[in-house]
Protein backbone atom coordinates (compact mmCIF):
# COMPACT_ATOMS: atom_id res chain seq x y z
CA UNK A 1 -2.47 5.21 -14.11
CA UNK A 2 -4.35 1.97 -14.53
CA UNK A 3 -5.24 -0.36 -11.47
CA UNK A 4 -3.02 -3.13 -12.69
CA UNK A 5 -0.03 -0.80 -12.52
CA UNK A 6 -0.68 0.35 -9.08
CA UNK A 7 -1.29 -3.21 -7.83
CA UNK A 8 2.08 -4.36 -9.39
CA UNK A 9 3.95 -1.38 -7.74
CA UNK A 10 2.47 -2.08 -4.54
CA UNK A 11 3.13 -5.63 -4.68
CA UNK A 12 6.73 -5.26 -5.63
CA UNK A 13 7.48 -2.81 -2.79
CA UNK A 14 5.78 -4.81 -0.32
CA UNK A 15 7.96 -7.86 -1.32
CA UNK A 16 11.29 -5.88 -1.75
CA UNK A 17 11.13 -3.11 0.85
CA UNK A 18 8.78 -4.26 3.44
CA UNK A 19 9.75 -7.96 3.06
CA UNK A 20 6.16 -9.34 2.91
CA UNK A 21 5.91 -12.93 1.57
CA UNK A 22 4.65 -13.03 -1.98
CA UNK A 23 1.98 -15.57 -1.10
CA UNK A 24 0.38 -13.30 1.53
CA UNK A 25 -0.32 -10.62 -0.92
CA UNK A 26 -4.03 -10.84 -1.82
CA UNK A 27 -6.63 -8.13 -2.26
CA UNK A 28 -8.47 -9.09 0.95
CA UNK A 29 -5.22 -9.36 3.00
CA UNK A 30 -5.45 -7.25 6.20
CA UNK A 31 -2.47 -4.80 6.23
CA UNK A 32 -1.62 -5.49 10.01
CA UNK A 33 -2.90 -8.95 10.61
CA UNK A 34 -2.19 -10.77 7.38
CA UNK A 35 0.77 -8.80 5.99
CA UNK A 36 2.39 -7.99 9.42
CA UNK A 37 2.83 -4.28 8.63
CA UNK A 38 3.55 -2.31 11.73
CA UNK A 39 3.77 1.37 12.51
CA UNK A 40 7.45 1.49 11.41
CA UNK A 41 6.57 -0.15 8.21
CA UNK A 42 3.79 2.38 7.57
CA UNK A 43 6.55 5.10 7.94
CA UNK A 44 8.38 3.52 5.13
CA UNK A 45 5.26 2.96 3.07
CA UNK A 46 4.50 6.56 3.21
CA UNK A 47 8.10 7.42 1.87
CA UNK A 48 7.80 4.78 -0.94
CA UNK A 49 4.34 5.78 -1.94
CA UNK A 50 5.38 9.46 -2.23
CA UNK A 51 8.52 8.21 -4.31
CA UNK A 52 6.45 6.12 -6.58
CA UNK A 53 3.22 7.88 -6.88
CA UNK A 54 4.04 11.54 -6.12
CA UNK A 55 1.61 12.33 -3.41
CA UNK A 56 1.80 12.18 0.63
CA UNK A 57 -0.33 9.80 2.50
CA UNK A 58 -2.37 11.62 5.17
CA UNK A 59 -2.78 9.53 8.43
CA UNK A 60 -6.39 10.57 8.71
CA UNK A 61 -7.12 9.20 5.41
CA UNK A 62 -5.33 5.84 6.21
CA UNK A 63 -7.34 5.33 9.23
CA UNK A 64 -10.23 3.55 7.39
CA UNK A 65 -7.96 1.36 5.28
CA UNK A 66 -7.96 -2.19 6.50
CA UNK A 67 -6.90 -4.35 3.48
CA UNK A 68 -4.80 -4.25 0.33
CA UNK A 69 -7.60 -3.76 -1.85
CA UNK A 70 -8.73 -0.52 0.09
CA UNK A 71 -5.06 0.62 0.05
CA UNK A 72 -4.86 0.24 -3.77
CA UNK A 73 -8.21 2.09 -4.03
CA UNK A 74 -6.78 4.85 -1.96
CA UNK A 75 -3.71 5.17 -4.22
CA UNK A 76 -5.82 4.92 -7.19
CA UNK A 77 -8.04 7.73 -6.16
CA UNK A 78 -5.13 10.00 -5.38
CA UNK A 79 -3.17 9.18 -8.45
CA UNK A 80 -6.19 9.78 -10.73
CA UNK A 81 -7.46 12.95 -9.30
């Protein structure tokens, strides 16, 4: 899967399912501080990622991820293994 496809899927589910403002979605946006994603949102994101990309997010792997670009890097690495 190409990076652009991953970014588009992530953008769409952030807007539609997590209710993030589209204007806030930028590669450098911090997941918690800029996008307002809290622990309950992360639970939803785990389910959404599994549904869209076919793998489970591991909490220990997410610990280092701070911004949207890193999140997309993580998904890309898992999808293209």
